[in-house]
Amino acid sequence: MKIKQIRGGMLLAESSRQRLESIVFPSIEKARVEVAQLFPNHVVFSEPGRISVVVRDRSFQVATFQEVHDNHR
């Protein structure tokens, strides 16, 4: 499973975004842990098929990543 950033594109360095999008994760939870390392001052949580990054008081969504399945294996 891979992830793709669908919101908040200007908040990550292009190299960080590309690295995240190239990793094959075993689960959405493992992907959430990787995203949380890039956003240490935010709340990062996963929902079915998505990872959301929000400010601490949850008043503003900073970024969203969507699960992408690679069916070409």
PDB file of N, CA and C in Angstrom:
ATOM      1  N   MET A   1       0.836  -1.175   0.000  1.00  0.00           N
ATOM      2  CA  MET A   1       0.000   0.000   0.000  1.00  0.00           C
ATOM      3  C   MET A   1       0.883   1.241   0.000  1.00  0.00           C
ATOM      4  N   LYS A   2       0.524   2.208  -0.822  1.00  0.00           N
ATOM      5  CA  LYS A   2       1.217   3.492  -0.843  1.00  0.00           C
ATOM      6  C   LYS A   2       0.232   4.576  -0.431  1.00  0.00           C
ATOM      7  N   ILE A   3       0.764   5.774  -0.172  1.00  0.00           N
ATOM      8  CA  ILE A   3      -0.094   6.914   0.123  1.00  0.00           C
ATOM      9  C   ILE A   3       0.226   8.047  -0.841  1.00  0.00           C
ATOM     10  N   LYS A   4      -0.759   8.911  -1.058  1.00  0.00           N
ATOM     11  CA  LYS A   4      -0.594  10.079  -1.916  1.00  0.00           C
ATOM     12  C   LYS A   4      -1.178  11.277  -1.187  1.00  0.00           C
ATOM     13  N   GLN A   5      -0.438  12.378  -1.201  1.00  0.00           N
ATOM     14  CA  GLN A   5      -0.922  13.587  -0.545  1.00  0.00           C
ATOM     15  C   GLN A   5      -1.974  14.242  -1.426  1.00  0.00           C
ATOM     16  N   ILE A   6      -3.158  14.474  -0.856  1.00  0.00           N
ATOM     17  CA  ILE A   6      -4.250  15.069  -1.630  1.00  0.00           C
ATOM     18  C   ILE A   6      -4.648  16.459  -1.122  1.00  0.00           C
ATOM     19  N   ARG A   7      -4.075  16.897   0.006  1.00  0.00           N
ATOM     20  CA  ARG A   7      -4.353  18.234   0.537  1.00  0.00           C
ATOM     21  C   ARG A   7      -3.131  18.715   1.309  1.00  0.00           C
ATOM     22  N   GLY A   8      -2.849  20.010   1.228  1.00  0.00           N
ATOM     23  CA  GLY A   8      -1.737  20.594   1.974  1.00  0.00           C
ATOM     24  C   GLY A   8      -0.401  20.432   1.286  1.00  0.00           C
ATOM     25  N   GLY A   9      -0.401  20.451  -0.027  1.00  0.00           N
ATOM     26  CA  GLY A   9       0.797  20.177  -0.805  1.00  0.00           C
ATOM     27  C   GLY A   9       1.967  21.106  -0.578  1.00  0.00           C
ATOM     28  N   MET A  10       1.746  22.311  -0.171  1.00  0.00           N
ATOM     29  CA  MET A  10       2.839  23.272  -0.022  1.00  0.00           C
ATOM     30  C   MET A  10       3.504  23.209   1.358  1.00  0.00           C
ATOM     31  N   LEU A  11       3.038  22.337   2.228  1.00  0.00           N
ATOM     32  CA  LEU A  11       3.559  22.293   3.592  1.00  0.00           C
ATOM     33  C   LEU A  11       4.766  21.379   3.758  1.00  0.00           C
ATOM     34  N   LEU A  12       4.954  20.450   2.849  1.00  0.00           N
ATOM     35  CA  LEU A  12       6.083  19.533   2.902  1.00  0.00           C
ATOM     36  C   LEU A  12       7.068  19.879   1.796  1.00  0.00           C
ATOM     37  N   ALA A  13       8.329  19.665   2.061  1.00  0.00           N
ATOM     38  CA  ALA A  13       9.320  19.805   1.007  1.00  0.00           C
ATOM     39  C   ALA A  13       9.012  18.753  -0.056  1.00  0.00           C
ATOM     40  N   GLU A  14       9.231  19.106  -1.306  1.00  0.00           N
ATOM     41  CA  GLU A  14       8.948  18.192  -2.411  1.00  0.00           C
ATOM     42  C   GLU A  14       9.667  16.846  -2.230  1.00  0.00           C
ATOM     43  N   SER A  15      10.891  16.897  -1.763  1.00  0.00           N
ATOM     44  CA  SER A  15      11.652  15.649  -1.566  1.00  0.00           C
ATOM     45  C   SER A  15      11.017  14.767  -0.494  1.00  0.00           C
ATOM     46  N   SER A  16      10.486  15.374   0.572  1.00  0.00           N
ATOM     47  CA  SER A  16       9.826  14.604   1.631  1.00  0.00           C
ATOM     48  C   SER A  16       8.533  13.981   1.116  1.00  0.00           C
ATOM     49  N   ARG A  17       7.773  14.745   0.354  1.00  0.00           N
ATOM     50  CA  ARG A  17       6.521  14.235  -0.211  1.00  0.00           C
ATOM     51  C   ARG A  17       6.801  13.074  -1.166  1.00  0.00           C
ATOM     52  N   GLN A  18       7.787  13.243  -2.033  1.00  0.00           N
ATOM     53  CA  GLN A  18       8.117  12.181  -2.982  1.00  0.00           C
ATOM     54  C   GLN A  18       8.591  10.920  -2.268  1.00  0.00           C
ATOM     55  N   ARG A  19       9.387  11.095  -1.220  1.00  0.00           N
ATOM     56  CA  ARG A  19       9.857   9.932  -0.462  1.00  0.00           C
ATOM     57  C   ARG A  19       8.683   9.198   0.170  1.00  0.00           C
ATOM     58  N   LEU A  20       7.776   9.941   0.806  1.00  0.00           N
ATOM     59  CA  LEU A  20       6.599   9.318   1.425  1.00  0.00           C
ATOM     60  C   LEU A  20       5.753   8.578   0.393  1.00  0.00           C
ATOM     61  N   GLU A  21       5.558   9.191  -0.769  1.00  0.00           N
ATOM     62  CA  GLU A  21       4.710   8.598  -1.788  1.00  0.00           C
ATOM     63  C   GLU A  21       5.361   7.410  -2.486  1.00  0.00           C
ATOM     64  N   SER A  22       6.667   7.223  -2.310  1.00  0.00           N
ATOM     65  CA  SER A  22       7.350   6.093  -2.952  1.00  0.00           C
ATOM     66  C   SER A  22       7.449   4.861  -2.048  1.00  0.00           C
ATOM     67  N   ILE A  23       7.204   5.020  -0.764  1.00  0.00           N
ATOM     68  CA  ILE A  23       7.319   3.909   0.187  1.00  0.00           C
ATOM     69  C   ILE A  23       6.097   2.993   0.075  1.00  0.00           C
ATOM     70  N   VAL A  24       6.341   1.692   0.113  1.00  0.00           N
ATOM     71  CA  VAL A  24       5.256   0.711   0.189  1.00  0.00           C
ATOM     72  C   VAL A  24       5.106   0.337   1.661  1.00  0.00           C
ATOM     73  N   PHE A  25       3.983   0.717   2.259  1.00  0.00           N
ATOM     74  CA  PHE A  25       3.725   0.481   3.669  1.00  0.00           C
ATOM     75  C   PHE A  25       2.942  -0.818   3.863  1.00  0.00           C
ATOM     76  N   PRO A  26       3.211  -1.542   4.947  1.00  0.00           N
ATOM     77  CA  PRO A  26       2.448  -2.767   5.215  1.00  0.00           C
ATOM     78  C   PRO A  26       1.026  -2.485   5.716  1.00  0.00           C
ATOM     79  N   SER A  27       0.807  -1.276   6.262  1.00  0.00           N
ATOM     80  CA  SER A  27      -0.527  -0.941   6.778  1.00  0.00           C
ATOM     81  C   SER A  27      -0.677   0.574   6.850  1.00  0.00           C
ATOM     82  N   ILE A  28      -1.920   1.013   6.989  1.00  0.00           N
ATOM     83  CA  ILE A  28      -2.195   2.444   7.126  1.00  0.00           C
ATOM     84  C   ILE A  28      -1.604   2.969   8.432  1.00  0.00           C
ATOM     85  N   GLU A  29      -1.542   2.132   9.449  1.00  0.00           N
ATOM     86  CA  GLU A  29      -0.976   2.559  10.735  1.00  0.00           C
ATOM     87  C   GLU A  29       0.525   2.833  10.613  1.00  0.00           C
ATOM     88  N   LYS A  30       1.245   2.001   9.876  1.00  0.00           N
ATOM     89  CA  LYS A  30       2.681   2.237   9.662  1.00  0.00           C
ATOM     90  C   LYS A  30       2.890   3.520   8.867  1.00  0.00           C
ATOM     91  N   ALA A  31       2.019   3.790   7.913  1.00  0.00           N
ATOM     92  CA  ALA A  31       2.098   5.028   7.145  1.00  0.00           C
ATOM     93  C   ALA A  31       1.823   6.230   8.042  1.00  0.00           C
ATOM     94  N   ARG A  32       0.854   6.085   8.962  1.00  0.00           N
ATOM     95  CA  ARG A  32       0.529   7.172   9.885  1.00  0.00           C
ATOM     96  C   ARG A  32       1.732   7.524  10.746  1.00  0.00           C
ATOM     97  N   VAL A  33       2.467   6.532  11.196  1.00  0.00           N
ATOM     98  CA  VAL A  33       3.657   6.760  12.019  1.00  0.00           C
ATOM     99  C   VAL A  33       4.699   7.566  11.226  1.00  0.00           C
ATOM    100  N   GLU A  34       4.910   7.231   9.967  1.00  0.00           N
ATOM    101  CA  GLU A  34       5.867   7.968   9.125  1.00  0.00           C
ATOM    102  C   GLU A  34       5.433   9.418   8.939  1.00  0.00           C
ATOM    103  N   VAL A  35       4.148   9.637   8.676  1.00  0.00           N
ATOM    104  CA  VAL A  35       3.634  10.996   8.494  1.00  0.00           C
ATOM    105  C   VAL A  35       3.778  11.782   9.798  1.00  0.00           C
ATOM    106  N   ALA A  36       3.495  11.146  10.930  1.00  0.00           N
ATOM    107  CA  ALA A  36       3.592  11.818  12.231  1.00  0.00           C
ATOM    108  C   ALA A  36       5.014  12.302  12.503  1.00  0.00           C
ATOM    109  N   GLN A  37       6.009  11.589  12.016  1.00  0.00           N
ATOM    110  CA  GLN A  37       7.394  12.018  12.204  1.00  0.00           C
ATOM    111  C   GLN A  37       7.692  13.312  11.439  1.00  0.00           C
ATOM    112  N   LEU A  38       6.987  13.529  10.340  1.00  0.00           N
ATOM    113  CA  LEU A  38       7.182  14.756   9.565  1.00  0.00           C
ATOM    114  C   LEU A  38       6.409  15.941  10.133  1.00  0.00           C
ATOM    115  N   PHE A  39       5.396  15.660  10.952  1.00  0.00           N
ATOM    116  CA  PHE A  39       4.561  16.696  11.561  1.00  0.00           C
ATOM    117  C   PHE A  39       4.545  16.507  13.079  1.00  0.00           C
ATOM    118  N   PRO A  40       5.686  16.712  13.758  1.00  0.00           N
ATOM    119  CA  PRO A  40       5.758  16.410  15.196  1.00  0.00           C
ATOM    120  C   PRO A  40       4.903  17.321  16.080  1.00  0.00           C
ATOM    121  N   ASN A  41       4.515  18.482  15.601  1.00  0.00           N
ATOM    122  CA  ASN A  41       3.735  19.416  16.420  1.00  0.00           C
ATOM    123  C   ASN A  41       2.253  19.416  16.074  1.00  0.00           C
ATOM    124  N   HIS A  42       1.807  18.383  15.381  1.00  0.00           N
ATOM    125  CA  HIS A  42       0.416  18.276  14.965  1.00  0.00           C
ATOM    126  C   HIS A  42      -0.168  16.946  15.429  1.00  0.00           C
ATOM    127  N   VAL A  43      -1.484  16.833  15.330  1.00  0.00           N
ATOM    128  CA  VAL A  43      -2.173  15.576  15.610  1.00  0.00           C
ATOM    129  C   VAL A  43      -2.319  14.853  14.276  1.00  0.00           C
ATOM    130  N   VAL A  44      -1.860  13.618  14.220  1.00  0.00           N
ATOM    131  CA  VAL A  44      -1.953  12.810  13.005  1.00  0.00           C
ATOM    132  C   VAL A  44      -2.776  11.580  13.345  1.00  0.00           C
ATOM    133  N   PHE A  45      -3.866  11.364  12.584  1.00  0.00           N
ATOM    134  CA  PHE A  45      -4.706  10.202  12.845  1.00  0.00           C
ATOM    135  C   PHE A  45      -5.126   9.568  11.532  1.00  0.00           C
ATOM    136  N   SER A  46      -5.460   8.286  11.616  1.00  0.00           N
ATOM    137  CA  SER A  46      -5.875   7.574  10.413  1.00  0.00           C
ATOM    138  C   SER A  46      -7.346   7.217  10.502  1.00  0.00           C
ATOM    139  N   GLU A  47      -7.963   7.238   9.348  1.00  0.00           N
ATOM    140  CA  GLU A  47      -9.335   6.803   9.149  1.00  0.00           C
ATOM    141  C   GLU A  47      -9.250   5.741   8.058  1.00  0.00           C
ATOM    142  N   PRO A  48     -10.292   5.005   7.794  1.00  0.00           N
ATOM    143  CA  PRO A  48     -10.201   4.018   6.717  1.00  0.00           C
ATOM    144  C   PRO A  48      -9.771   4.667   5.392  1.00  0.00           C
ATOM    145  N   GLY A  49      -8.583   4.290   4.923  1.00  0.00           N
ATOM    146  CA  GLY A  49      -8.085   4.772   3.648  1.00  0.00           C
ATOM    147  C   GLY A  49      -7.456   6.150   3.648  1.00  0.00           C
ATOM    148  N   ARG A  50      -7.375   6.818   4.791  1.00  0.00           N
ATOM    149  CA  ARG A  50      -6.845   8.187   4.855  1.00  0.00           C
ATOM    150  C   ARG A  50      -6.022   8.428   6.101  1.00  0.00           C
ATOM    151  N   ILE A  51      -5.118   9.399   5.967  1.00  0.00           N
ATOM    152  CA  ILE A  51      -4.361   9.904   7.107  1.00  0.00           C
ATOM    153  C   ILE A  51      -4.563  11.408   7.109  1.00  0.00           C
ATOM    154  N   SER A  52      -4.958  11.952   8.238  1.00  0.00           N
ATOM    155  CA  SER A  52      -5.195  13.386   8.363  1.00  0.00           C
ATOM    156  C   SER A  52      -4.224  14.003   9.346  1.00  0.00           C
ATOM    157  N   VAL A  53      -3.787  15.212   9.029  1.00  0.00           N
ATOM    158  CA  VAL A  53      -2.902  15.991   9.894  1.00  0.00           C
ATOM    159  C   VAL A  53      -3.654  17.262  10.252  1.00  0.00           C
ATOM    160  N   VAL A  54      -3.837  17.493  11.558  1.00  0.00           N
ATOM    161  CA  VAL A  54      -4.566  18.667  12.020  1.00  0.00           C
ATOM    162  C   VAL A  54      -3.760  19.386  13.097  1.00  0.00           C
ATOM    163  N   VAL A  55      -4.089  20.667  13.329  1.00  0.00           N
ATOM    164  CA  VAL A  55      -3.437  21.388  14.417  1.00  0.00           C
ATOM    165  C   VAL A  55      -3.908  20.790  15.744  1.00  0.00           C
ATOM    166  N   ARG A  56      -3.179  21.074  16.806  1.00  0.00           N
ATOM    167  CA  ARG A  56      -3.439  20.442  18.109  1.00  0.00           C
ATOM    168  C   ARG A  56      -4.889  20.567  18.593  1.00  0.00           C
ATOM    169  N   ASP A  57      -5.520  21.723  18.373  1.00  0.00           N
ATOM    170  CA  ASP A  57      -6.904  21.872  18.851  1.00  0.00           C
ATOM    171  C   ASP A  57      -7.931  21.350  17.840  1.00  0.00           C
ATOM    172  N   ARG A  58      -7.436  20.742  16.762  1.00  0.00           N
ATOM    173  CA  ARG A  58      -8.249  20.130  15.703  1.00  0.00           C
ATOM    174  C   ARG A  58      -9.167  21.114  14.987  1.00  0.00           C
ATOM    175  N   SER A  59      -8.824  22.402  15.028  1.00  0.00           N
ATOM    176  CA  SER A  59      -9.647  23.415  14.375  1.00  0.00           C
ATOM    177  C   SER A  59      -9.311  23.597  12.901  1.00  0.00           C
ATOM    178  N   PHE A  60      -8.181  23.065  12.460  1.00  0.00           N
ATOM    179  CA  PHE A  60      -7.746  23.282  11.087  1.00  0.00           C
ATOM    180  C   PHE A  60      -7.021  22.046  10.575  1.00  0.00           C
ATOM    181  N   GLN A  61      -7.455  21.563   9.417  1.00  0.00           N
ATOM    182  CA  GLN A  61      -6.795  20.415   8.802  1.00  0.00           C
ATOM    183  C   GLN A  61      -5.624  20.905   7.962  1.00  0.00           C
ATOM    184  N   VAL A  62      -4.445  20.376   8.232  1.00  0.00           N
ATOM    185  CA  VAL A  62      -3.215  20.818   7.594  1.00  0.00           C
ATOM    186  C   VAL A  62      -2.930  20.039   6.312  1.00  0.00           C
ATOM    187  N   ALA A  63      -3.082  18.728   6.366  1.00  0.00           N
ATOM    188  CA  ALA A  63      -2.775  17.879   5.213  1.00  0.00           C
ATOM    189  C   ALA A  63      -3.591  16.594   5.281  1.00  0.00           C
ATOM    190  N   THR A  64      -3.795  15.999   4.107  1.00  0.00           N
ATOM    191  CA  THR A  64      -4.482  14.719   4.015  1.00  0.00           C
ATOM    192  C   THR A  64      -3.734  13.832   3.035  1.00  0.00           C
ATOM    193  N   PHE A  65      -3.586  12.578   3.409  1.00  0.00           N
ATOM    194  CA  PHE A  65      -2.970  11.574   2.558  1.00  0.00           C
ATOM    195  C   PHE A  65      -3.993  10.473   2.340  1.00  0.00           C
ATOM    196  N   GLN A  66      -4.075   9.987   1.105  1.00  0.00           N
ATOM    197  CA  GLN A  66      -5.023   8.934   0.781  1.00  0.00           C
ATOM    198  C   GLN A  66      -4.277   7.652   0.431  1.00  0.00           C
ATOM    199  N   GLU A  67      -4.839   6.539   0.838  1.00  0.00           N
ATOM    200  CA  GLU A  67      -4.283   5.231   0.551  1.00  0.00           C
ATOM    201  C   GLU A  67      -4.411   4.947  -0.949  1.00  0.00           C
ATOM    202  N   VAL A  68      -3.346   4.432  -1.537  1.00  0.00           N
ATOM    203  CA  VAL A  68      -3.336   4.082  -2.954  1.00  0.00           C
ATOM    204  C   VAL A  68      -2.835   2.647  -3.053  1.00  0.00           C
ATOM    205  N   HIS A  69      -3.631   1.788  -3.677  1.00  0.00           N
ATOM    206  CA  HIS A  69      -3.219   0.398  -3.846  1.00  0.00           C
ATOM    207  C   HIS A  69      -2.561   0.246  -5.208  1.00  0.00           C
ATOM    208  N   ASP A  70      -1.423  -0.414  -5.233  1.00  0.00           N
ATOM    209  CA  ASP A  70      -0.699  -0.674  -6.462  1.00  0.00           C
ATOM    210  C   ASP A  70      -1.149  -2.024  -6.995  1.00  0.00           C
ATOM    211  N   ASN A  71      -1.957  -2.011  -8.044  1.00  0.00           N
ATOM    212  CA  ASN A  71      -2.498  -3.244  -8.598  1.00  0.00           C
ATOM    213  C   ASN A  71      -1.653  -3.800  -9.740  1.00  0.00           C
ATOM    214  N   HIS A  72      -0.497  -3.231  -9.971  1.00  0.00           N
ATOM    215  CA  HIS A  72       0.341  -3.658 -11.087  1.00  0.00           C
ATOM    216  C   HIS A  72       1.455  -4.599 -10.658  1.00  0.00           C
ATOM    217  N   ARG A  73       1.275  -5.326  -9.593  1.00  0.00           N
ATOM    218  CA  ARG A  73       2.316  -6.259  -9.133  1.00  0.00           C
ATOM    219  C   ARG A  73       2.058  -7.639  -9.635  1.00  0.00           C
TER     220      ARG A  73
END
